[in-house]
Amino acid sequence: MSDRPDQSLVLAQLEDALRKNWRLGQNMILCWAPHPAGVLTLSAPHYFLGNLTARAHALGEADDTEQFVRDVIGTSHQTTEAQLLSISERLGVSTNFTKLDAPLIGDQALAQADQIVRRFGIGFVPSRGVILFDIAEFSLYAPFEQASQLNSLSYSMNSAHTKLKRLGIEVNFARTTTGDGYYVWNRDLGPFPDLDLLTFLILVLIDNAVARREASGNTVPLIRTGFHVGSHYELFQAEGVNPTLYSYIVGDVTITLARMLDAASAGQILIGDFLVQLPDADESAGPRQLVEAVLGEIAGLKNLKIADYVIGRIIHHWSGMDEDRASHIFVDKHGQDLRVASLELEVALGSDTLRLGAPF
């Protein structure tokens, strides 16, 4: 028999220790490092980062401080022992040692430990594609109609996810409700996840349009949609005595999406102004190239159906697009300029054609 310790038991012990330190959300874990006898962690009160950046603003050091914090709480919270001690000194936060019955061994155990630590802290993602689905005139409907519309939109998302998965495209999507819609993102990061998320968006819109055409009453929503790529923070809320397994996001990308849809009309598809990395490409691409890559991906999916109708050719049109960058400028309610483009789609569906989106 192997003398190697059961890593699942070690991970459970780590989670239990972090939960005690977390104190129902009073503290957050900033980063951690493996140690031969356990783990070292750096934790601080939940208000610490807010106070830190406020002081940095007052001293004119905001950019450097915020970038340092973002590097610490980036995609991985794992550091080396030397790095953790350096971070501790820079932030003025003491280190904590958690003794474990056995050390964490192997890449898989370390990756799982990092996922556990993330749930007890806050993360930063420098670039990720995010969707905002917003139901038009939602507040004017009766509560039962509101519930039906949210369920209908949720079903369209689940249906699109299932169809793509059957064809070998895994969109590991997460969502949080805004009350009258959803923020949606791909938990995976990188060029393929961003491209696949936009593919997912288009299938959701097609499914929603078919459902609206075949429904009666106000049970299927008329939605306005935004897609943007940008940075955000990721948090896990407390649920009882544990952090939830599901996160929510807030940051530049969600703020921009909310501003975009403030100016959107019902049925419109607004695309933000961004640069993104496409699969197998050396240079960054703008929204036009991303959409063209997505439509190419959809065209390559054989026998892709919505409600038993085969999706055929999709033709797209733009308004507010200058070469490859969004160029339509509007002033939001705070007096700030925002650059967006409006995407329109003509989708051959069986013998019919669906028209999605609207110009400015």
Protein backbone atom coordinates (compact mmCIF):
# COMPACT_ATOMS: atom_id res chain seq x y z
CA MET A 1 0.00 0.00 0.00
CA SER A 2 1.10 3.58 -0.71
CA ASP A 3 2.20 5.79 2.18
CA ARG A 4 1.03 8.83 0.27
CA PRO A 5 -1.58 10.74 2.33
CA ASP A 6 -5.17 10.96 1.15
CA GLN A 7 -5.22 14.41 -0.42
CA SER A 8 -9.02 14.68 -0.18
CA LEU A 9 -8.76 14.48 3.61
CA VAL A 10 -5.99 17.10 3.63
CA LEU A 11 -8.08 19.40 1.45
CA ALA A 12 -11.10 18.96 3.74
CA GLN A 13 -8.90 19.85 6.72
CA LEU A 14 -7.66 22.95 4.88
CA GLU A 15 -11.21 24.05 4.06
CA ASP A 16 -12.29 23.64 7.67
CA ALA A 17 -9.34 25.74 8.90
CA LEU A 18 -10.00 28.48 6.33
CA ARG A 19 -13.68 28.57 7.29
CA LYS A 20 -12.73 29.28 10.90
CA ASN A 21 -10.38 32.06 9.85
CA TRP A 22 -12.99 33.45 7.42
CA ARG A 23 -15.45 34.04 10.30
CA LEU A 24 -18.65 34.22 8.27
CA GLY A 25 -17.11 36.73 5.87
CA GLN A 26 -15.43 38.98 8.43
CA ASN A 27 -12.03 38.15 6.93
CA MET A 28 -10.90 37.35 3.41
CA ILE A 29 -7.95 35.27 2.27
CA LEU A 30 -5.71 37.29 -0.04
CA CYS A 31 -3.18 34.62 -0.99
CA TRP A 32 -1.54 31.42 0.22
CA ALA A 33 1.61 29.33 -0.10
CA PRO A 34 2.22 25.61 0.50
CA HIS A 35 4.47 24.70 3.43
CA PRO A 36 6.03 21.33 4.32
CA ALA A 37 3.84 21.15 7.42
CA GLY A 38 0.70 22.85 6.09
CA VAL A 39 -0.04 26.18 4.41
CA LEU A 40 0.74 29.84 4.96
CA THR A 41 -2.05 32.32 4.31
CA LEU A 42 -2.47 36.06 4.26
CA SER A 43 -5.86 37.26 5.47
CA ALA A 44 -7.34 40.67 6.23
CA PRO A 45 -10.69 42.15 7.28
CA HIS A 46 -13.22 42.43 4.45
CA TYR A 47 -12.91 46.23 4.44
CA PHE A 48 -9.10 46.18 4.22
CA LEU A 49 -8.72 46.59 0.45
CA GLY A 50 -11.25 49.44 0.36
CA ASN A 51 -9.36 51.30 3.07
CA LEU A 52 -6.03 50.55 1.40
CA THR A 53 -7.04 51.98 -1.96
CA ALA A 54 -8.72 55.00 -0.32
CA ARG A 55 -5.44 55.86 1.42
CA ALA A 56 -3.56 55.31 -1.83
CA HIS A 57 -5.90 57.73 -3.64
CA ALA A 58 -5.28 60.35 -0.97
CA LEU A 59 -1.50 59.94 -1.40
CA GLY A 60 -1.65 59.93 -5.21
CA GLU A 61 -0.52 56.28 -5.34
CA ALA A 62 -3.79 54.72 -6.44
CA ASP A 63 -2.63 53.20 -9.73
CA ASP A 64 0.42 51.45 -8.29
CA THR A 65 -1.46 50.17 -5.23
CA GLU A 66 -4.45 48.88 -7.19
CA GLN A 67 -2.20 47.12 -9.70
CA PHE A 68 -0.25 45.47 -6.87
CA VAL A 69 -3.47 44.24 -5.24
CA ARG A 70 -4.78 42.97 -8.59
CA ASP A 71 -1.57 41.01 -9.11
CA VAL A 72 -1.94 39.45 -5.64
CA ILE A 73 -5.58 38.39 -6.09
CA GLY A 74 -5.28 37.50 -9.77
CA THR A 75 -6.24 34.28 -11.49
CA SER A 76 -4.34 32.17 -8.95
CA HIS A 77 -4.04 32.97 -5.25
CA GLN A 78 -1.10 30.62 -4.83
CA THR A 79 2.35 32.13 -4.23
CA THR A 80 5.68 30.93 -2.92
CA GLU A 81 6.60 31.37 0.73
CA ALA A 82 9.08 34.13 -0.17
CA GLN A 83 6.47 35.97 -2.28
CA LEU A 84 3.89 35.72 0.48
CA LEU A 85 6.28 37.24 3.02
CA SER A 86 7.05 40.08 0.60
CA ILE A 87 3.33 40.74 0.06
CA SER A 88 2.80 40.66 3.83
CA GLU A 89 5.43 43.35 4.30
CA ARG A 90 4.07 45.54 1.49
CA LEU A 91 0.48 45.41 2.76
CA GLY A 92 1.29 45.43 6.47
CA VAL A 93 -0.69 42.24 7.07
CA SER A 94 0.50 39.35 9.27
CA THR A 95 0.85 35.82 7.91
CA ASN A 96 -1.06 32.85 9.32
CA PHE A 97 0.16 29.28 9.52
CA THR A 98 -2.28 26.38 9.27
CA LYS A 99 -0.90 22.99 10.23
CA LEU A 100 -2.20 20.05 8.21
CA ASP A 101 -1.89 16.35 8.95
CA ALA A 102 0.06 15.97 5.72
CA PRO A 103 1.46 18.31 3.06
CA LEU A 104 -0.37 19.07 -0.16
CA ILE A 105 1.27 16.95 -2.86
CA GLY A 106 0.89 17.15 -6.61
CA ASP A 107 -0.43 19.68 -9.12
CA GLN A 108 -4.02 18.47 -8.79
CA ALA A 109 -4.10 18.89 -5.01
CA LEU A 110 -2.51 22.34 -5.25
CA ALA A 111 -5.01 23.43 -7.91
CA GLN A 112 -7.91 22.18 -5.78
CA ALA A 113 -6.48 23.99 -2.76
CA ASP A 114 -6.32 27.20 -4.79
CA GLN A 115 -9.99 26.82 -5.76
CA ILE A 116 -10.90 26.40 -2.09
CA VAL A 117 -8.92 29.49 -1.09
CA ARG A 118 -10.64 31.57 -3.81
CA ARG A 119 -14.03 30.97 -2.20
CA PHE A 120 -12.83 32.62 1.01
CA GLY A 121 -11.43 35.71 -0.67
CA ILE A 122 -11.79 38.01 -3.63
CA GLY A 123 -10.35 37.51 -7.10
CA PHE A 124 -9.46 39.76 -10.00
CA VAL A 125 -9.80 38.82 -13.68
CA PRO A 126 -8.07 41.26 -16.09
CA SER A 127 -10.05 40.26 -19.18
CA ARG A 128 -13.22 38.23 -19.66
CA GLY A 129 -16.19 38.31 -22.00
CA VAL A 130 -19.50 38.99 -20.24
CA ILE A 131 -23.11 39.12 -21.48
CA LEU A 132 -25.93 41.20 -20.04
CA PHE A 133 -29.46 40.09 -20.90
CA ASP A 134 -32.04 42.70 -19.89
CA ILE A 135 -35.81 42.19 -20.19
CA ALA A 136 -37.51 45.22 -21.74
CA GLU A 137 -40.34 46.86 -19.74
CA PHE A 138 -39.97 44.20 -17.06
CA SER A 139 -41.48 46.35 -14.28
CA LEU A 140 -44.71 46.79 -16.25
CA TYR A 141 -45.59 43.08 -16.10
CA ALA A 142 -47.48 41.26 -13.38
CA PRO A 143 -45.38 39.19 -10.94
CA PHE A 144 -46.42 35.89 -12.52
CA GLU A 145 -45.51 37.22 -15.97
CA GLN A 146 -42.14 38.40 -14.63
CA ALA A 147 -41.44 34.94 -13.21
CA SER A 148 -42.46 33.32 -16.51
CA GLN A 149 -40.19 35.63 -18.50
CA LEU A 150 -37.18 34.98 -16.28
CA ASN A 151 -37.83 31.23 -16.52
CA SER A 152 -38.13 31.49 -20.30
CA LEU A 153 -34.81 33.31 -20.59
CA SER A 154 -33.19 30.81 -18.23
CA TYR A 155 -34.52 27.95 -20.36
CA SER A 156 -33.09 29.54 -23.53
CA MET A 157 -29.68 29.68 -21.86
CA ASN A 158 -29.87 26.06 -20.68
CA SER A 159 -31.05 24.94 -24.12
CA ALA A 160 -28.22 26.77 -25.91
CA HIS A 161 -25.69 25.28 -23.48
CA THR A 162 -26.99 21.75 -24.05
CA LYS A 163 -26.97 22.08 -27.85
CA LEU A 164 -23.39 23.36 -27.90
CA LYS A 165 -22.23 20.66 -25.49
CA ARG A 166 -23.65 17.95 -27.73
CA LEU A 167 -21.56 19.38 -30.56
CA GLY A 168 -18.38 19.39 -28.49
CA ILE A 169 -18.40 23.03 -27.34
CA GLU A 170 -18.41 23.32 -23.56
CA VAL A 171 -19.53 26.74 -22.35
CA ASN A 172 -18.95 26.56 -18.61
CA PHE A 173 -21.33 29.42 -18.04
CA ALA A 174 -22.19 31.16 -14.79
CA ARG A 175 -24.85 33.77 -14.20
CA THR A 176 -26.15 36.19 -11.62
CA THR A 177 -29.51 37.86 -11.77
CA THR A 178 -29.95 41.61 -12.01
CA GLY A 179 -33.63 41.33 -11.08
CA ASP A 180 -34.82 41.91 -14.65
CA GLY A 181 -32.17 39.86 -16.42
CA TYR A 182 -28.81 38.16 -16.03
CA TYR A 183 -25.10 38.78 -16.22
CA VAL A 184 -23.58 35.70 -17.87
CA TRP A 185 -19.94 34.70 -18.26
CA ASN A 186 -17.78 31.69 -19.04
CA ARG A 187 -16.01 30.38 -15.94
CA ASP A 188 -13.15 29.33 -18.21
CA LEU A 189 -10.73 32.01 -19.40
CA GLY A 190 -9.00 32.55 -22.72
CA PRO A 191 -9.63 33.10 -26.44
CA PHE A 192 -11.82 30.03 -26.98
CA PRO A 193 -14.06 30.68 -23.93
CA ASP A 194 -14.71 34.28 -25.06
CA LEU A 195 -15.52 33.15 -28.59
CA ASP A 196 -17.72 30.32 -27.35
CA LEU A 197 -19.58 32.69 -25.02
CA LEU A 198 -20.55 34.92 -27.94
CA THR A 199 -21.64 31.82 -29.88
CA PHE A 200 -23.77 30.93 -26.86
CA LEU A 201 -25.28 34.45 -26.85
CA ILE A 202 -26.40 34.17 -30.46
CA LEU A 203 -28.04 30.79 -29.87
CA VAL A 204 -29.85 32.18 -26.82
CA LEU A 205 -31.21 35.05 -28.92
CA ILE A 206 -32.37 32.67 -31.67
CA ASP A 207 -34.08 30.40 -29.13
CA ASN A 208 -35.72 33.41 -27.49
CA ALA A 209 -36.94 34.75 -30.85
CA VAL A 210 -38.47 31.39 -31.80
CA ALA A 211 -40.15 31.13 -28.39
CA ARG A 212 -41.59 34.65 -28.75
CA ARG A 213 -42.94 33.80 -32.18
CA GLU A 214 -44.72 30.71 -30.89
CA ALA A 215 -45.84 31.98 -27.46
CA SER A 216 -49.04 33.70 -26.42
CA GLY A 217 -49.41 36.35 -23.75
CA ASN A 218 -46.44 37.90 -21.96
CA THR A 219 -44.63 34.69 -21.00
CA VAL A 220 -41.53 35.10 -23.22
CA PRO A 221 -39.41 38.23 -22.79
CA LEU A 222 -38.38 40.82 -25.34
CA ILE A 223 -34.75 41.38 -24.41
CA ARG A 224 -31.99 43.83 -25.08
CA THR A 225 -28.52 42.39 -25.01
CA GLY A 226 -24.99 43.61 -24.40
CA PHE A 227 -21.62 41.90 -24.85
CA HIS A 228 -18.34 43.37 -23.66
CA VAL A 229 -14.85 42.23 -22.68
CA GLY A 230 -13.12 43.75 -19.69
CA SER A 231 -11.86 43.35 -16.14
CA HIS A 232 -13.80 42.52 -12.99
CA TYR A 233 -13.56 41.35 -9.41
CA GLU A 234 -15.07 38.03 -8.36
CA LEU A 235 -16.62 37.37 -4.97
CA PHE A 236 -18.33 34.50 -3.20
CA GLN A 237 -21.21 35.47 -0.92
CA ALA A 238 -21.77 33.98 2.52
CA GLU A 239 -24.58 31.47 2.74
CA GLY A 240 -25.17 30.41 6.32
CA VAL A 241 -21.80 29.45 7.76
CA ASN A 242 -20.17 28.79 4.36
CA PRO A 243 -19.26 30.78 1.26
CA THR A 244 -21.38 29.76 -1.71
CA LEU A 245 -19.96 27.61 -4.49
CA TYR A 246 -21.13 30.22 -7.00
CA SER A 247 -19.59 33.63 -7.48
CA TYR A 248 -20.78 36.98 -8.63
CA ILE A 249 -18.76 39.58 -10.49
CA VAL A 250 -18.46 43.36 -10.42
CA GLY A 251 -16.02 45.69 -12.12
CA ASP A 252 -15.30 47.64 -15.28
CA VAL A 253 -16.97 45.10 -17.57
CA THR A 254 -20.27 44.91 -15.65
CA ILE A 255 -20.39 48.68 -15.14
CA THR A 256 -19.84 49.26 -18.86
CA LEU A 257 -22.54 46.72 -19.79
CA ALA A 258 -25.07 48.41 -17.49
CA ARG A 259 -24.26 51.79 -19.07
CA MET A 260 -24.57 50.28 -22.56
CA LEU A 261 -28.03 48.88 -21.97
CA ASP A 262 -29.27 52.09 -20.38
CA ALA A 263 -29.22 53.47 -23.92
CA ALA A 264 -30.38 50.30 -25.72
CA SER A 265 -33.79 49.88 -27.29
CA ALA A 266 -35.87 46.71 -26.98
CA GLY A 267 -34.45 43.92 -29.15
CA GLN A 268 -31.12 45.65 -29.73
CA ILE A 269 -27.77 43.80 -29.53
CA LEU A 270 -25.03 46.17 -28.40
CA ILE A 271 -21.35 45.22 -28.61
CA GLY A 272 -18.75 47.15 -26.62
CA ASP A 273 -15.46 48.60 -27.79
CA PHE A 274 -12.70 46.18 -26.81
CA LEU A 275 -9.70 44.19 -27.92
CA VAL A 276 -9.63 40.43 -27.45
CA GLN A 277 -7.32 37.56 -28.32
CA LEU A 278 -8.70 35.19 -30.94
CA PRO A 279 -7.71 31.51 -31.03
CA ASP A 280 -4.55 30.84 -33.05
CA ALA A 281 -4.00 34.57 -33.66
CA ASP A 282 -0.93 36.59 -32.74
CA GLU A 283 -2.57 40.01 -32.74
CA SER A 284 -5.53 41.29 -30.73
CA ALA A 285 -8.86 41.64 -32.51
CA GLY A 286 -11.80 43.98 -32.16
CA PRO A 287 -15.50 43.15 -32.04
CA ARG A 288 -15.99 42.86 -35.81
CA GLN A 289 -13.35 40.14 -36.10
CA LEU A 290 -14.69 38.35 -33.03
CA VAL A 291 -18.24 38.27 -34.44
CA GLU A 292 -16.97 37.02 -37.81
CA ALA A 293 -15.04 34.24 -36.04
CA VAL A 294 -18.17 33.29 -34.08
CA LEU A 295 -20.34 33.15 -37.20
CA GLY A 296 -17.68 30.99 -38.81
CA GLU A 297 -17.82 28.65 -35.82
CA ILE A 298 -21.62 28.42 -36.03
CA ALA A 299 -21.45 27.75 -39.79
CA GLY A 300 -19.16 24.81 -39.05
CA LEU A 301 -21.65 23.20 -36.65
CA LYS A 302 -23.61 20.72 -38.72
CA ASN A 303 -27.30 20.05 -38.02
CA LEU A 304 -27.48 22.70 -35.31
CA LYS A 305 -31.19 23.05 -34.53
CA ILE A 306 -33.42 25.37 -32.56
CA ALA A 307 -36.92 24.01 -31.91
CA ASP A 308 -36.37 21.37 -34.64
CA TYR A 309 -35.43 24.04 -37.21
CA VAL A 310 -31.94 23.74 -38.73
CA ILE A 311 -29.90 26.93 -38.45
CA GLY A 312 -28.61 27.92 -41.88
CA ARG A 313 -26.68 30.92 -43.07
CA ILE A 314 -26.37 33.92 -40.74
CA ILE A 315 -25.81 37.34 -42.31
CA HIS A 316 -24.74 40.19 -40.07
CA HIS A 317 -24.91 43.97 -40.35
CA TRP A 318 -23.44 46.70 -38.19
CA SER A 319 -24.33 50.22 -37.24
CA GLY A 320 -21.82 52.23 -35.28
CA MET A 321 -18.81 50.21 -36.45
CA ASP A 322 -15.68 51.89 -37.84
CA GLU A 323 -13.44 49.27 -39.44
CA ASP A 324 -12.97 46.90 -36.46
CA ARG A 325 -13.85 49.14 -33.51
CA ALA A 326 -17.16 50.32 -32.08
CA SER A 327 -17.65 53.95 -33.05
CA HIS A 328 -21.15 55.02 -32.00
CA ILE A 329 -20.74 57.43 -29.09
CA PHE A 330 -23.46 58.29 -26.64
CA VAL A 331 -23.36 60.17 -23.36
CA ASP A 332 -24.60 58.17 -20.37
CA LYS A 333 -26.58 59.52 -17.40
CA HIS A 334 -23.33 60.47 -15.67
CA GLY A 335 -22.19 62.57 -18.62
CA GLN A 336 -19.53 60.09 -19.72
CA ASP A 337 -18.92 59.08 -23.34
CA LEU A 338 -19.37 55.42 -24.25
CA ARG A 339 -18.45 53.76 -27.55
CA VAL A 340 -20.65 50.90 -28.77
CA ALA A 341 -21.80 49.19 -31.97
CA SER A 342 -25.17 47.64 -32.79
CA LEU A 343 -25.25 44.16 -34.33
CA GLU A 344 -28.08 42.92 -36.54
CA LEU A 345 -28.47 39.31 -37.65
CA GLU A 346 -30.49 37.62 -40.41
CA VAL A 347 -30.74 33.96 -39.46
CA ALA A 348 -31.96 31.34 -41.94
CA LEU A 349 -34.03 28.98 -39.81
CA GLY A 350 -35.62 26.19 -41.78
CA SER A 351 -37.53 27.92 -44.60
CA ASP A 352 -37.91 31.12 -42.59
CA THR A 353 -35.62 34.04 -41.74
CA LEU A 354 -35.30 35.52 -38.27
CA ARG A 355 -34.19 39.11 -37.89
CA LEU A 356 -32.45 39.92 -34.65
CA GLY A 357 -31.15 43.22 -33.36
CA ALA A 358 -31.92 46.79 -34.38
CA PRO A 359 -29.93 49.80 -35.65
CA PHE A 360 -29.37 52.99 -33.71
